[in-house]
Amino acid sequence: MKAQDLKDKTPEQLREQLVALKKEAFNLRFQQATGQIEGTARMRSVRRDVARVKTVMNQQAAAAAASK
């Protein structure tokens, strides 16, 4: 996932993306705790994707506040 792709999305789409990523992160943590996870690299990429989504959301909110 690239930040530029996220910047083109609406705030509602970003919230939906964030919820989906958090669900995936929860499932990956659960799999790790039970020893079922095979590729732990996905946990890292999901965490980074969550950070990217939150960053873009904050940037959009700051831009909206500055324009008012």
PDB file of N, CA and C in Angstrom:
ATOM      1  N   MET A   1       0.841  -1.172   0.000  1.00  0.00           N
ATOM      2  CA  MET A   1       0.000   0.000   0.000  1.00  0.00           C
ATOM      3  C   MET A   1       0.889   1.239   0.000  1.00  0.00           C
ATOM      4  N   LYS A   2       0.583   2.155  -0.882  1.00  0.00           N
ATOM      5  CA  LYS A   2       1.364   3.377  -0.979  1.00  0.00           C
ATOM      6  C   LYS A   2       0.568   4.548  -0.415  1.00  0.00           C
ATOM      7  N   ALA A   3       1.287   5.506   0.143  1.00  0.00           N
ATOM      8  CA  ALA A   3       0.646   6.668   0.739  1.00  0.00           C
ATOM      9  C   ALA A   3      -0.106   7.475  -0.320  1.00  0.00           C
ATOM     10  N   GLN A   4       0.418   7.518  -1.527  1.00  0.00           N
ATOM     11  CA  GLN A   4      -0.237   8.281  -2.586  1.00  0.00           C
ATOM     12  C   GLN A   4      -1.613   7.694  -2.899  1.00  0.00           C
ATOM     13  N   ASP A   5      -1.728   6.375  -2.859  1.00  0.00           N
ATOM     14  CA  ASP A   5      -3.028   5.736  -3.090  1.00  0.00           C
ATOM     15  C   ASP A   5      -4.015   6.117  -1.999  1.00  0.00           C
ATOM     16  N   LEU A   6      -3.512   6.248  -0.783  1.00  0.00           N
ATOM     17  CA  LEU A   6      -4.381   6.589   0.341  1.00  0.00           C
ATOM     18  C   LEU A   6      -4.845   8.036   0.276  1.00  0.00           C
ATOM     19  N   LYS A   7      -4.007   8.912  -0.243  1.00  0.00           N
ATOM     20  CA  LYS A   7      -4.357  10.335  -0.305  1.00  0.00           C
ATOM     21  C   LYS A   7      -5.534  10.592  -1.237  1.00  0.00           C
ATOM     22  N   ASP A   8      -5.754   9.677  -2.182  1.00  0.00           N
ATOM     23  CA  ASP A   8      -6.857   9.831  -3.130  1.00  0.00           C
ATOM     24  C   ASP A   8      -8.186   9.370  -2.561  1.00  0.00           C
ATOM     25  N   LYS A   9      -8.168   8.706  -1.402  1.00  0.00           N
ATOM     26  CA  LYS A   9      -9.391   8.164  -0.817  1.00  0.00           C
ATOM     27  C   LYS A   9     -10.091   9.206   0.061  1.00  0.00           C
ATOM     28  N   THR A  10     -11.387   8.988   0.241  1.00  0.00           N
ATOM     29  CA  THR A  10     -12.174   9.861   1.110  1.00  0.00           C
ATOM     30  C   THR A  10     -11.937   9.468   2.566  1.00  0.00           C
ATOM     31  N   PRO A  11     -12.261  10.349   3.506  1.00  0.00           N
ATOM     32  CA  PRO A  11     -12.101   9.999   4.923  1.00  0.00           C
ATOM     33  C   PRO A  11     -12.893   8.749   5.319  1.00  0.00           C
ATOM     34  N   GLU A  12     -14.065   8.566   4.734  1.00  0.00           N
ATOM     35  CA  GLU A  12     -14.861   7.372   5.043  1.00  0.00           C
ATOM     36  C   GLU A  12     -14.152   6.108   4.560  1.00  0.00           C
ATOM     37  N   GLN A  13     -13.591   6.158   3.372  1.00  0.00           N
ATOM     38  CA  GLN A  13     -12.860   5.006   2.852  1.00  0.00           C
ATOM     39  C   GLN A  13     -11.630   4.710   3.710  1.00  0.00           C
ATOM     40  N   LEU A  14     -10.985   5.760   4.198  1.00  0.00           N
ATOM     41  CA  LEU A  14      -9.820   5.568   5.061  1.00  0.00           C
ATOM     42  C   LEU A  14     -10.219   4.912   6.380  1.00  0.00           C
ATOM     43  N   ARG A  15     -11.350   5.327   6.935  1.00  0.00           N
ATOM     44  CA  ARG A  15     -11.824   4.708   8.181  1.00  0.00           C
ATOM     45  C   ARG A  15     -12.127   3.223   7.968  1.00  0.00           C
ATOM     46  N   GLU A  16     -12.753   2.898   6.846  1.00  0.00           N
ATOM     47  CA  GLU A  16     -13.053   1.497   6.541  1.00  0.00           C
ATOM     48  C   GLU A  16     -11.764   0.696   6.390  1.00  0.00           C
ATOM     49  N   GLN A  17     -10.785   1.279   5.727  1.00  0.00           N
ATOM     50  CA  GLN A  17      -9.488   0.625   5.542  1.00  0.00           C
ATOM     51  C   GLN A  17      -8.808   0.393   6.886  1.00  0.00           C
ATOM     52  N   LEU A  18      -8.898   1.380   7.774  1.00  0.00           N
ATOM     53  CA  LEU A  18      -8.288   1.271   9.093  1.00  0.00           C
ATOM     54  C   LEU A  18      -8.938   0.158   9.906  1.00  0.00           C
ATOM     55  N   VAL A  19     -10.258   0.069   9.857  1.00  0.00           N
ATOM     56  CA  VAL A  19     -10.961  -0.987  10.578  1.00  0.00           C
ATOM     57  C   VAL A  19     -10.544  -2.358  10.052  1.00  0.00           C
ATOM     58  N   ALA A  20     -10.457  -2.501   8.748  1.00  0.00           N
ATOM     59  CA  ALA A  20     -10.070  -3.784   8.156  1.00  0.00           C
ATOM     60  C   ALA A  20      -8.642  -4.164   8.558  1.00  0.00           C
ATOM     61  N   LEU A  21      -7.744  -3.184   8.562  1.00  0.00           N
ATOM     62  CA  LEU A  21      -6.366  -3.465   8.939  1.00  0.00           C
ATOM     63  C   LEU A  21      -6.248  -3.845  10.407  1.00  0.00           C
ATOM     64  N   LYS A  22      -7.022  -3.178  11.253  1.00  0.00           N
ATOM     65  CA  LYS A  22      -6.975  -3.508  12.680  1.00  0.00           C
ATOM     66  C   LYS A  22      -7.520  -4.908  12.934  1.00  0.00           C
ATOM     67  N   LYS A  23      -8.556  -5.301  12.198  1.00  0.00           N
ATOM     68  CA  LYS A  23      -9.082  -6.660  12.324  1.00  0.00           C
ATOM     69  C   LYS A  23      -8.029  -7.677  11.901  1.00  0.00           C
ATOM     70  N   GLU A  24      -7.351  -7.375  10.800  1.00  0.00           N
ATOM     71  CA  GLU A  24      -6.307  -8.280  10.324  1.00  0.00           C
ATOM     72  C   GLU A  24      -5.168  -8.376  11.331  1.00  0.00           C
ATOM     73  N   ALA A  25      -4.785  -7.254  11.908  1.00  0.00           N
ATOM     74  CA  ALA A  25      -3.721  -7.261  12.919  1.00  0.00           C
ATOM     75  C   ALA A  25      -4.131  -8.102  14.122  1.00  0.00           C
ATOM     76  N   PHE A  26      -5.380  -7.981  14.545  1.00  0.00           N
ATOM     77  CA  PHE A  26      -5.873  -8.785  15.663  1.00  0.00           C
ATOM     78  C   PHE A  26      -5.795 -10.266  15.332  1.00  0.00           C
ATOM     79  N   ASN A  27      -6.255 -10.619  14.140  1.00  0.00           N
ATOM     80  CA  ASN A  27      -6.226 -12.027  13.736  1.00  0.00           C
ATOM     81  C   ASN A  27      -4.798 -12.563  13.670  1.00  0.00           C
ATOM     82  N   LEU A  28      -3.878 -11.743  13.182  1.00  0.00           N
ATOM     83  CA  LEU A  28      -2.480 -12.177  13.113  1.00  0.00           C
ATOM     84  C   LEU A  28      -1.890 -12.353  14.507  1.00  0.00           C
ATOM     85  N   ARG A  29      -2.229 -11.451  15.432  1.00  0.00           N
ATOM     86  CA  ARG A  29      -1.744 -11.597  16.809  1.00  0.00           C
ATOM     87  C   ARG A  29      -2.310 -12.867  17.438  1.00  0.00           C
ATOM     88  N   PHE A  30      -3.561 -13.146  17.155  1.00  0.00           N
ATOM     89  CA  PHE A  30      -4.194 -14.348  17.692  1.00  0.00           C
ATOM     90  C   PHE A  30      -3.511 -15.594  17.129  1.00  0.00           C
ATOM     91  N   GLN A  31      -3.228 -15.591  15.838  1.00  0.00           N
ATOM     92  CA  GLN A  31      -2.544 -16.725  15.225  1.00  0.00           C
ATOM     93  C   GLN A  31      -1.151 -16.916  15.809  1.00  0.00           C
ATOM     94  N   GLN A  32      -0.475 -15.818  16.075  1.00  0.00           N
ATOM     95  CA  GLN A  32       0.862 -15.911  16.649  1.00  0.00           C
ATOM     96  C   GLN A  32       0.808 -16.498  18.063  1.00  0.00           C
ATOM     97  N   ALA A  33      -0.174 -16.097  18.825  1.00  0.00           N
ATOM     98  CA  ALA A  33      -0.296 -16.587  20.195  1.00  0.00           C
ATOM     99  C   ALA A  33      -0.595 -18.080  20.232  1.00  0.00           C
ATOM    100  N   THR A  34      -1.324 -18.564  19.238  1.00  0.00           N
ATOM    101  CA  THR A  34      -1.658 -19.982  19.209  1.00  0.00           C
ATOM    102  C   THR A  34      -0.653 -20.807  18.418  1.00  0.00           C
ATOM    103  N   GLY A  35       0.348 -20.146  17.851  1.00  0.00           N
ATOM    104  CA  GLY A  35       1.383 -20.857  17.115  1.00  0.00           C
ATOM    105  C   GLY A  35       0.990 -21.271  15.712  1.00  0.00           C
ATOM    106  N   GLN A  36      -0.031 -20.665  15.151  1.00  0.00           N
ATOM    107  CA  GLN A  36      -0.504 -21.046  13.829  1.00  0.00           C
ATOM    108  C   GLN A  36       0.081 -20.180  12.715  1.00  0.00           C
ATOM    109  N   ILE A  37       0.717 -19.076  13.064  1.00  0.00           N
ATOM    110  CA  ILE A  37       1.199 -18.153  12.040  1.00  0.00           C
ATOM    111  C   ILE A  37       2.478 -18.698  11.408  1.00  0.00           C
ATOM    112  N   GLU A  38       2.572 -18.547  10.096  1.00  0.00           N
ATOM    113  CA  GLU A  38       3.763 -19.004   9.393  1.00  0.00           C
ATOM    114  C   GLU A  38       4.630 -17.832   8.954  1.00  0.00           C
ATOM    115  N   GLY A  39       4.008 -16.823   8.344  1.00  0.00           N
ATOM    116  CA  GLY A  39       4.765 -15.669   7.867  1.00  0.00           C
ATOM    117  C   GLY A  39       4.586 -14.483   8.790  1.00  0.00           C
ATOM    118  N   THR A  40       5.570 -14.210   9.609  1.00  0.00           N
ATOM    119  CA  THR A  40       5.433 -13.110  10.561  1.00  0.00           C
ATOM    120  C   THR A  40       5.672 -11.752   9.920  1.00  0.00           C
ATOM    121  N   ALA A  41       6.160 -11.731   8.696  1.00  0.00           N
ATOM    122  CA  ALA A  41       6.417 -10.459   8.017  1.00  0.00           C
ATOM    123  C   ALA A  41       5.119  -9.696   7.755  1.00  0.00           C
ATOM    124  N   ARG A  42       4.020 -10.408   7.631  1.00  0.00           N
ATOM    125  CA  ARG A  42       2.733  -9.745   7.371  1.00  0.00           C
ATOM    126  C   ARG A  42       2.323  -8.869   8.548  1.00  0.00           C
ATOM    127  N   MET A  43       2.688  -9.269   9.770  1.00  0.00           N
ATOM    128  CA  MET A  43       2.366  -8.459  10.949  1.00  0.00           C
ATOM    129  C   MET A  43       3.019  -7.086  10.833  1.00  0.00           C
ATOM    130  N   ARG A  44       4.252  -7.070  10.413  1.00  0.00           N
ATOM    131  CA  ARG A  44       4.992  -5.809  10.275  1.00  0.00           C
ATOM    132  C   ARG A  44       4.357  -4.923   9.207  1.00  0.00           C
ATOM    133  N   SER A  45       4.003  -5.518   8.080  1.00  0.00           N
ATOM    134  CA  SER A  45       3.435  -4.711   7.002  1.00  0.00           C
ATOM    135  C   SER A  45       2.056  -4.169   7.385  1.00  0.00           C
ATOM    136  N   VAL A  46       1.279  -4.942   8.135  1.00  0.00           N
ATOM    137  CA  VAL A  46      -0.043  -4.465   8.572  1.00  0.00           C
ATOM    138  C   VAL A  46       0.127  -3.301   9.538  1.00  0.00           C
ATOM    139  N   ARG A  47       1.073  -3.416  10.474  1.00  0.00           N
ATOM    140  CA  ARG A  47       1.327  -2.321  11.416  1.00  0.00           C
ATOM    141  C   ARG A  47       1.730  -1.048  10.678  1.00  0.00           C
ATOM    142  N   ARG A  48       2.552  -1.194   9.682  1.00  0.00           N
ATOM    143  CA  ARG A  48       2.990  -0.020   8.911  1.00  0.00           C
ATOM    144  C   ARG A  48       1.856   0.563   8.083  1.00  0.00           C
ATOM    145  N   ASP A  49       1.003  -0.301   7.552  1.00  0.00           N
ATOM    146  CA  ASP A  49      -0.153   0.176   6.794  1.00  0.00           C
ATOM    147  C   ASP A  49      -1.110   0.950   7.697  1.00  0.00           C
ATOM    148  N   VAL A  50      -1.292   0.480   8.926  1.00  0.00           N
ATOM    149  CA  VAL A  50      -2.132   1.198   9.886  1.00  0.00           C
ATOM    150  C   VAL A  50      -1.550   2.586  10.131  1.00  0.00           C
ATOM    151  N   ALA A  51      -0.246   2.650  10.300  1.00  0.00           N
ATOM    152  CA  ALA A  51       0.407   3.942  10.526  1.00  0.00           C
ATOM    153  C   ALA A  51       0.242   4.860   9.324  1.00  0.00           C
ATOM    154  N   ARG A  52       0.350   4.306   8.123  1.00  0.00           N
ATOM    155  CA  ARG A  52       0.175   5.123   6.914  1.00  0.00           C
ATOM    156  C   ARG A  52      -1.237   5.693   6.832  1.00  0.00           C
ATOM    157  N   VAL A  53      -2.222   4.856   7.116  1.00  0.00           N
ATOM    158  CA  VAL A  53      -3.617   5.306   7.055  1.00  0.00           C
ATOM    159  C   VAL A  53      -3.857   6.404   8.081  1.00  0.00           C
ATOM    160  N   LYS A  54      -3.362   6.205   9.299  1.00  0.00           N
ATOM    161  CA  LYS A  54      -3.547   7.218  10.336  1.00  0.00           C
ATOM    162  C   LYS A  54      -2.851   8.522   9.975  1.00  0.00           C
ATOM    163  N   THR A  55      -1.672   8.434   9.380  1.00  0.00           N
ATOM    164  CA  THR A  55      -0.944   9.634   8.979  1.00  0.00           C
ATOM    165  C   THR A  55      -1.714  10.419   7.928  1.00  0.00           C
ATOM    166  N   VAL A  56      -2.232   9.721   6.929  1.00  0.00           N
ATOM    167  CA  VAL A  56      -2.998  10.390   5.872  1.00  0.00           C
ATOM    168  C   VAL A  56      -4.269  10.999   6.442  1.00  0.00           C
ATOM    169  N   MET A  57      -4.926  10.292   7.362  1.00  0.00           N
ATOM    170  CA  MET A  57      -6.132  10.834   7.980  1.00  0.00           C
ATOM    171  C   MET A  57      -5.818  12.119   8.741  1.00  0.00           C
ATOM    172  N   ASN A  58      -4.717  12.129   9.482  1.00  0.00           N
ATOM    173  CA  ASN A  58      -4.325  13.324  10.229  1.00  0.00           C
ATOM    174  C   ASN A  58      -3.949  14.464   9.294  1.00  0.00           C
ATOM    175  N   GLN A  59      -3.287  14.151   8.193  1.00  0.00           N
ATOM    176  CA  GLN A  59      -2.933  15.190   7.226  1.00  0.00           C
ATOM    177  C   GLN A  59      -4.184  15.805   6.612  1.00  0.00           C
ATOM    178  N   GLN A  60      -5.152  14.972   6.272  1.00  0.00           N
ATOM    179  CA  GLN A  60      -6.391  15.484   5.685  1.00  0.00           C
ATOM    180  C   GLN A  60      -7.163  16.325   6.696  1.00  0.00           C
ATOM    181  N   ALA A  61      -7.175  15.894   7.953  1.00  0.00           N
ATOM    182  CA  ALA A  61      -7.872  16.665   8.987  1.00  0.00           C
ATOM    183  C   ALA A  61      -7.196  18.005   9.214  1.00  0.00           C
ATOM    184  N   ALA A  62      -5.876  18.023   9.200  1.00  0.00           N
ATOM    185  CA  ALA A  62      -5.146  19.275   9.385  1.00  0.00           C
ATOM    186  C   ALA A  62      -5.375  20.209   8.199  1.00  0.00           C
ATOM    187  N   ALA A  63      -5.419  19.666   7.003  1.00  0.00           N
ATOM    188  CA  ALA A  63      -5.669  20.490   5.827  1.00  0.00           C
ATOM    189  C   ALA A  63      -7.078  21.067   5.859  1.00  0.00           C
ATOM    190  N   ALA A  64      -8.038  20.287   6.317  1.00  0.00           N
ATOM    191  CA  ALA A  64      -9.425  20.761   6.402  1.00  0.00           C
ATOM    192  C   ALA A  64      -9.538  21.858   7.463  1.00  0.00           C
ATOM    193  N   ALA A  65      -8.829  21.693   8.570  1.00  0.00           N
ATOM    194  CA  ALA A  65      -8.874  22.692   9.636  1.00  0.00           C
ATOM    195  C   ALA A  65      -8.186  23.983   9.203  1.00  0.00           C
ATOM    196  N   ALA A  66      -7.131  23.851   8.429  1.00  0.00           N
ATOM    197  CA  ALA A  66      -6.395  25.028   7.978  1.00  0.00           C
ATOM    198  C   ALA A  66      -7.192  25.814   6.934  1.00  0.00           C
ATOM    199  N   SER A  67      -8.027  25.124   6.179  1.00  0.00           N
ATOM    200  CA  SER A  67      -8.782  25.812   5.129  1.00  0.00           C
ATOM    201  C   SER A  67     -10.001  26.548   5.679  1.00  0.00           C
ATOM    202  N   LYS A  68     -10.367  26.265   6.918  1.00  0.00           N
ATOM    203  CA  LYS A  68     -11.539  26.920   7.499  1.00  0.00           C
ATOM    204  C   LYS A  68     -11.205  28.267   8.063  1.00  0.00           C
TER     205      LYS A  68
END
